[in-house]
Amino acid sequence: MLIDISYLQIKGSGHGFLSEAIRDESDSSQWVETLPGGSHIRVMNTDGHGEAFLIARSGSPATVGRLNSVEFRDFCIDGVESSKPYIPGNGKTGIRAQTDNDAFRIEGLGFVYLTHAIILRGADAPYITNNFIAECGSCIELLGAWQVMRVTNNFLISAWAGSAVFAENAEGLPISGNSILWYGSVRLVNSKRCSVTANKFVSSWPGMVIFEPGSEENLISSNQFLRTDTESSIDNGKDDYFGMVHLNGSNNTVSANHFSYRVATQFIRPLSRVE
């Protein structure tokens, strides 16, 4: 669906989320429900477009095409079928905003079996909260230059090929109160004065928080990090020297976090690290 008007609310009657990977990897013969719930959009890609919702409006300069106050609430977007690691996956996207936008709200949704769940470009003041995003290649991608945003209180369960949260050129982004699991990667590029606070990270691989060059004056505080070997048969391309938190920037602060490392000796990489 193409959205090219402002001040629009798209609302269901519940997030309708169901973890399809658990269904596919378990004996579900006795389950009462095996598919996502009633407020359920299936992304079939029969029209040649990979997005359930594409937000775009032409205009030059970009501010002419700027869209405002589009809200998505309380339904499920389902890519129908995919397989780990979900990238390149089925090429399907839940919500993609190509046009500069202001005050978008994505709240109470479920996303499952998508290569990309949410992609917002040129966003000012987006509010992304209380969503379930799982079995997707990447969960939340914030592209271009933007400011005044929030990513809070979500369940972000991404495969090891993508990121739970990816942001570039961010100013003052709070990422707070989220449960970020399995490849729990928060990746910031050229981002300043952002905060990663009070999140729960569980990952089978290094690199749960990554700050890339240009990332300055950011805060990582009061998070709980658990590194496990649950998915040890898969390699994300980073060894344990990369670290749970990897910083490449200046004047960043890391304080009052809790780190747990629960990895069997045979799964530590490189093996030369094992004494």
Protein backbone atom coordinates (compact mmCIF):
# COMPACT_ATOMS: atom_id res chain seq x y z
CA MET A 1 0.00 0.00 0.00
CA LEU A 2 1.29 3.46 -0.94
CA ILE A 3 0.73 6.20 1.64
CA ASP A 4 1.17 9.74 0.26
CA ILE A 5 -1.02 11.79 2.63
CA SER A 6 -0.38 13.16 6.12
CA TYR A 7 -2.48 12.87 9.30
CA LEU A 8 -3.45 9.26 8.77
CA GLN A 9 -4.00 6.51 11.34
CA ILE A 10 -4.00 2.83 10.40
CA LYS A 11 -5.29 0.82 13.33
CA GLY A 12 -6.09 -2.82 14.07
CA SER A 13 -7.62 -4.54 17.08
CA GLY A 14 -4.47 -6.10 18.54
CA HIS A 15 -0.85 -6.82 17.64
CA GLY A 16 -1.71 -10.41 16.66
CA PHE A 17 1.89 -11.57 17.15
CA LEU A 18 2.95 -15.20 17.14
CA SER A 19 6.56 -16.39 16.94
CA GLU A 20 6.53 -18.34 13.72
CA ALA A 21 10.06 -19.72 14.18
CA ILE A 22 8.92 -21.42 17.39
CA ARG A 23 5.98 -22.86 15.48
CA ASP A 24 8.22 -24.07 12.65
CA GLU A 25 10.84 -25.58 14.98
CA SER A 26 8.43 -27.23 17.42
CA ASP A 27 5.75 -29.89 17.41
CA SER A 28 2.67 -27.70 17.01
CA SER A 29 0.21 -30.51 16.33
CA GLN A 30 -1.56 -29.89 19.66
CA TRP A 31 -1.52 -26.10 19.46
CA VAL A 32 -4.84 -24.29 19.27
CA GLU A 33 -3.36 -21.36 17.28
CA THR A 34 -0.56 -21.74 14.74
CA LEU A 35 -0.76 -18.43 12.85
CA PRO A 36 -0.68 -14.74 13.84
CA GLY A 37 -3.91 -13.20 15.06
CA GLY A 38 -6.89 -11.48 13.52
CA SER A 39 -5.38 -8.03 12.87
CA HIS A 40 -3.07 -9.67 10.40
CA ILE A 41 -1.61 -8.35 7.14
CA ARG A 42 0.12 -10.92 4.96
CA VAL A 43 2.86 -9.55 2.68
CA MET A 44 2.47 -11.72 -0.41
CA ASN A 45 4.52 -9.58 -2.85
CA THR A 46 2.18 -10.47 -5.71
CA ASP A 47 2.25 -6.89 -7.08
CA GLY A 48 6.03 -6.78 -7.47
CA HIS A 49 6.49 -4.57 -4.40
CA GLY A 50 8.14 -5.91 -1.26
CA GLU A 51 6.60 -3.47 1.26
CA ALA A 52 3.36 -3.86 3.13
CA PHE A 53 3.36 -0.05 3.51
CA LEU A 54 5.45 2.36 1.41
CA ILE A 55 5.33 5.98 2.58
CA ALA A 56 6.45 8.32 -0.20
CA ARG A 57 5.48 11.61 -1.83
CA SER A 58 7.39 13.33 -4.59
CA GLY A 59 8.57 16.92 -4.35
CA SER A 60 11.69 19.04 -4.56
CA PRO A 61 13.19 20.13 -2.25
CA ALA A 62 12.57 17.18 0.03
CA THR A 63 10.54 19.26 2.48
CA VAL A 64 7.81 19.62 -0.16
CA GLY A 65 7.30 15.86 -0.06
CA ARG A 66 7.48 15.71 3.74
CA LEU A 67 4.73 13.65 5.36
CA ASN A 68 3.44 14.22 8.87
CA SER A 69 1.74 12.29 11.67
CA VAL A 70 1.19 8.90 10.05
CA GLU A 71 0.37 6.35 12.76
CA PHE A 72 0.39 2.55 12.71
CA ARG A 73 -1.23 0.84 15.69
CA ASP A 74 -2.19 -2.61 16.93
CA PHE A 75 -1.86 -5.10 14.08
CA CYS A 76 0.54 -7.70 12.72
CA ILE A 77 2.60 -7.61 9.50
CA ASP A 78 3.58 -11.12 8.41
CA GLY A 79 6.05 -11.99 5.64
CA VAL A 80 4.40 -15.45 5.54
CA GLU A 81 7.52 -17.56 5.08
CA SER A 82 11.28 -17.28 5.36
CA SER A 83 14.28 -19.06 6.82
CA LYS A 84 17.23 -18.14 9.01
CA PRO A 85 19.17 -15.88 8.89
CA TYR A 86 16.35 -13.85 7.19
CA ILE A 87 18.85 -11.81 5.14
CA PRO A 88 18.80 -11.83 2.16
CA GLY A 89 15.62 -13.70 3.02
CA ASN A 90 12.37 -13.11 1.16
CA GLY A 91 13.03 -9.44 0.33
CA LYS A 92 9.89 -8.25 2.15
CA THR A 93 9.58 -5.12 4.27
CA GLY A 94 6.89 -4.18 6.76
CA ILE A 95 6.97 -0.35 6.81
CA ARG A 96 9.28 1.73 4.60
CA ALA A 97 9.28 5.55 4.64
CA GLN A 98 11.16 6.95 1.66
CA THR A 99 10.03 10.56 2.13
CA ASP A 100 11.16 12.97 4.85
CA ASN A 101 8.68 12.66 7.67
CA ASP A 102 7.67 14.13 11.01
CA ALA A 103 5.99 12.68 14.11
CA PHE A 104 5.41 9.16 12.80
CA ARG A 105 4.16 6.73 15.45
CA ILE A 106 4.56 2.93 15.28
CA GLU A 107 3.04 1.37 18.37
CA GLY A 108 1.69 -2.01 19.43
CA LEU A 109 2.52 -3.84 16.19
CA GLY A 110 3.80 -7.35 15.55
CA PHE A 111 6.32 -8.00 12.76
CA VAL A 112 7.39 -11.48 11.72
CA TYR A 113 9.21 -13.18 8.80
CA LEU A 114 10.39 -10.00 7.07
CA THR A 115 13.81 -9.12 5.72
CA HIS A 116 13.30 -5.57 7.07
CA ALA A 117 10.60 -4.75 9.62
CA ILE A 118 10.83 -0.92 9.77
CA ILE A 119 12.87 1.45 7.58
CA LEU A 120 12.46 5.20 8.13
CA ARG A 121 14.46 7.70 6.09
CA GLY A 122 14.75 11.37 7.02
CA ALA A 123 12.63 10.98 10.15
CA ASP A 124 12.00 13.79 12.62
CA ALA A 125 10.45 12.80 15.97
CA PRO A 126 9.45 9.19 15.23
CA TYR A 127 8.05 7.24 18.18
CA ILE A 128 8.57 3.47 18.00
CA THR A 129 7.30 1.72 21.11
CA ASN A 130 5.66 -1.43 22.49
CA ASN A 131 6.17 -3.55 19.37
CA PHE A 132 7.03 -7.22 18.88
CA ILE A 133 9.59 -7.65 16.07
CA ALA A 134 10.94 -11.16 15.58
CA GLU A 135 12.24 -13.55 12.95
CA CYS A 136 13.22 -10.53 10.83
CA GLY A 137 16.60 -9.84 9.24
CA SER A 138 16.71 -6.30 10.66
CA CYS A 139 14.22 -4.78 13.09
CA ILE A 140 14.50 -0.97 13.05
CA GLU A 141 16.58 1.01 10.54
CA LEU A 142 16.76 4.80 10.82
CA LEU A 143 18.50 6.22 7.76
CA GLY A 144 19.62 9.66 6.68
CA ALA A 145 19.82 12.74 8.90
CA TRP A 146 17.20 13.02 11.61
CA GLN A 147 16.59 13.99 15.24
CA VAL A 148 14.28 13.89 18.27
CA MET A 149 13.23 10.26 18.23
CA ARG A 150 12.47 7.41 20.61
CA VAL A 151 12.89 3.62 20.44
CA THR A 152 11.46 2.27 23.70
CA ASN A 153 9.89 -0.80 25.30
CA ASN A 154 10.07 -3.11 22.27
CA PHE A 155 10.86 -6.81 21.91
CA LEU A 156 13.52 -6.91 19.16
CA ILE A 157 14.53 -10.42 18.18
CA SER A 158 16.70 -10.23 15.08
CA ALA A 159 18.67 -12.79 13.15
CA TRP A 160 22.46 -12.60 13.12
CA ALA A 161 22.68 -11.06 9.64
CA GLY A 162 21.11 -7.70 10.52
CA SER A 163 20.60 -5.27 13.40
CA ALA A 164 17.99 -4.86 16.09
CA VAL A 165 18.47 -1.08 15.79
CA PHE A 166 20.57 0.61 13.11
CA ALA A 167 20.85 4.40 13.04
CA GLU A 168 22.99 6.77 11.02
CA ASN A 169 23.53 10.50 11.63
CA ALA A 170 21.35 10.37 14.73
CA GLU A 171 21.17 13.24 17.21
CA GLY A 172 19.94 12.46 20.72
CA LEU A 173 18.34 9.06 20.10
CA PRO A 174 17.21 7.23 23.28
CA ILE A 175 17.13 3.42 22.98
CA SER A 176 15.64 2.36 26.29
CA GLY A 177 13.69 -0.39 28.00
CA ASN A 178 13.93 -2.88 25.12
CA SER A 179 14.49 -6.65 25.20
CA ILE A 180 17.06 -7.23 22.43
CA LEU A 181 17.72 -10.90 21.73
CA TRP A 182 19.80 -13.39 19.77
CA TYR A 183 21.72 -11.06 17.54
CA GLY A 184 21.05 -8.15 19.83
CA SER A 185 22.95 -5.59 17.80
CA VAL A 186 22.45 -1.86 18.32
CA ARG A 187 24.61 -0.16 15.68
CA LEU A 188 25.14 3.59 15.48
CA VAL A 189 27.04 5.33 12.67
CA ASN A 190 28.10 8.98 12.92
CA SER A 191 25.63 9.47 15.78
CA LYS A 192 25.93 11.92 18.65
CA ARG A 193 24.51 12.33 22.16
CA CYS A 194 22.43 9.15 21.96
CA SER A 195 21.69 6.89 24.93
CA VAL A 196 21.47 3.11 25.19
CA THR A 197 19.99 2.57 28.65
CA ALA A 198 18.06 0.00 30.70
CA ASN A 199 17.92 -2.62 27.94
CA LYS A 200 18.20 -6.41 28.21
CA PHE A 201 20.65 -7.88 25.68
CA VAL A 202 21.00 -11.61 25.01
CA SER A 203 23.19 -12.70 22.12
CA SER A 204 25.02 -15.77 20.84
CA TRP A 205 27.60 -13.55 19.12
CA PRO A 206 29.90 -10.60 19.84
CA GLY A 207 28.88 -7.06 18.98
CA MET A 208 25.72 -6.32 20.97
CA VAL A 209 26.40 -2.58 20.81
CA ILE A 210 28.55 -1.15 18.02
CA PHE A 211 29.50 2.51 17.65
CA GLU A 212 31.12 3.19 14.29
CA PRO A 213 33.31 6.20 13.34
CA GLY A 214 31.80 9.61 13.98
CA SER A 215 29.85 8.45 17.04
CA GLU A 216 30.54 10.91 19.85
CA GLU A 217 29.28 11.83 23.32
CA ASN A 218 26.94 8.83 23.58
CA LEU A 219 25.94 7.03 26.77
CA ILE A 220 25.70 3.27 27.44
CA SER A 221 24.36 2.74 30.95
CA SER A 222 22.30 0.43 33.18
CA ASN A 223 22.00 -2.35 30.59
CA GLN A 224 22.23 -6.08 31.21
CA PHE A 225 24.33 -8.03 28.70
CA LEU A 226 24.34 -11.83 28.44
CA ARG A 227 26.59 -13.55 25.90
CA THR A 228 25.64 -17.21 25.34
CA ASP A 229 26.47 -20.02 22.92
CA THR A 230 22.85 -21.00 22.17
CA GLU A 231 23.26 -20.55 18.39
CA SER A 232 26.93 -21.55 18.36
CA SER A 233 26.72 -23.47 15.07
CA ILE A 234 26.37 -20.15 13.20
CA ASP A 235 29.16 -17.57 12.76
CA ASN A 236 28.34 -13.85 12.47
CA GLY A 237 31.86 -13.03 11.27
CA LYS A 238 33.09 -11.47 14.53
CA ASP A 239 35.34 -13.17 17.07
CA ASP A 240 35.32 -12.60 20.82
CA TYR A 241 38.08 -10.00 20.62
CA PHE A 242 35.45 -7.76 19.00
CA GLY A 243 33.74 -7.57 22.39
CA MET A 244 30.15 -7.40 23.59
CA VAL A 245 30.39 -3.61 23.24
CA HIS A 246 32.59 -2.23 20.46
CA LEU A 247 33.32 1.51 20.36
CA ASN A 248 34.94 3.44 17.53
CA GLY A 249 34.38 7.07 18.38
CA SER A 250 35.26 9.70 20.99
CA ASN A 251 33.95 10.99 24.33
CA ASN A 252 31.51 8.10 24.78
CA THR A 253 30.60 6.92 28.30
CA VAL A 254 30.03 3.31 29.41
CA SER A 255 28.91 2.99 33.04
CA ALA A 256 26.90 0.85 35.47
CA ASN A 257 26.23 -2.05 33.10
CA HIS A 258 26.17 -5.76 33.98
CA PHE A 259 28.05 -8.20 31.70
CA SER A 260 27.65 -11.99 31.80
CA TYR A 261 29.69 -14.37 29.62
CA ARG A 262 28.31 -17.92 29.43
CA VAL A 263 30.15 -19.55 26.52
CA ALA A 264 31.59 -23.07 26.57
CA THR A 265 35.31 -23.25 25.85
CA GLN A 266 34.91 -24.97 22.47
CA PHE A 267 32.76 -22.08 21.19
CA ILE A 268 35.16 -19.26 22.03
CA ARG A 269 36.61 -17.61 18.93
CA PRO A 270 39.47 -17.55 18.12
CA LEU A 271 40.49 -20.80 19.77
CA SER A 272 43.94 -19.31 20.44
CA ARG A 273 42.29 -17.17 23.11
CA VAL A 274 41.57 -20.28 25.22
CA GLU A 275 44.39 -20.93 27.67
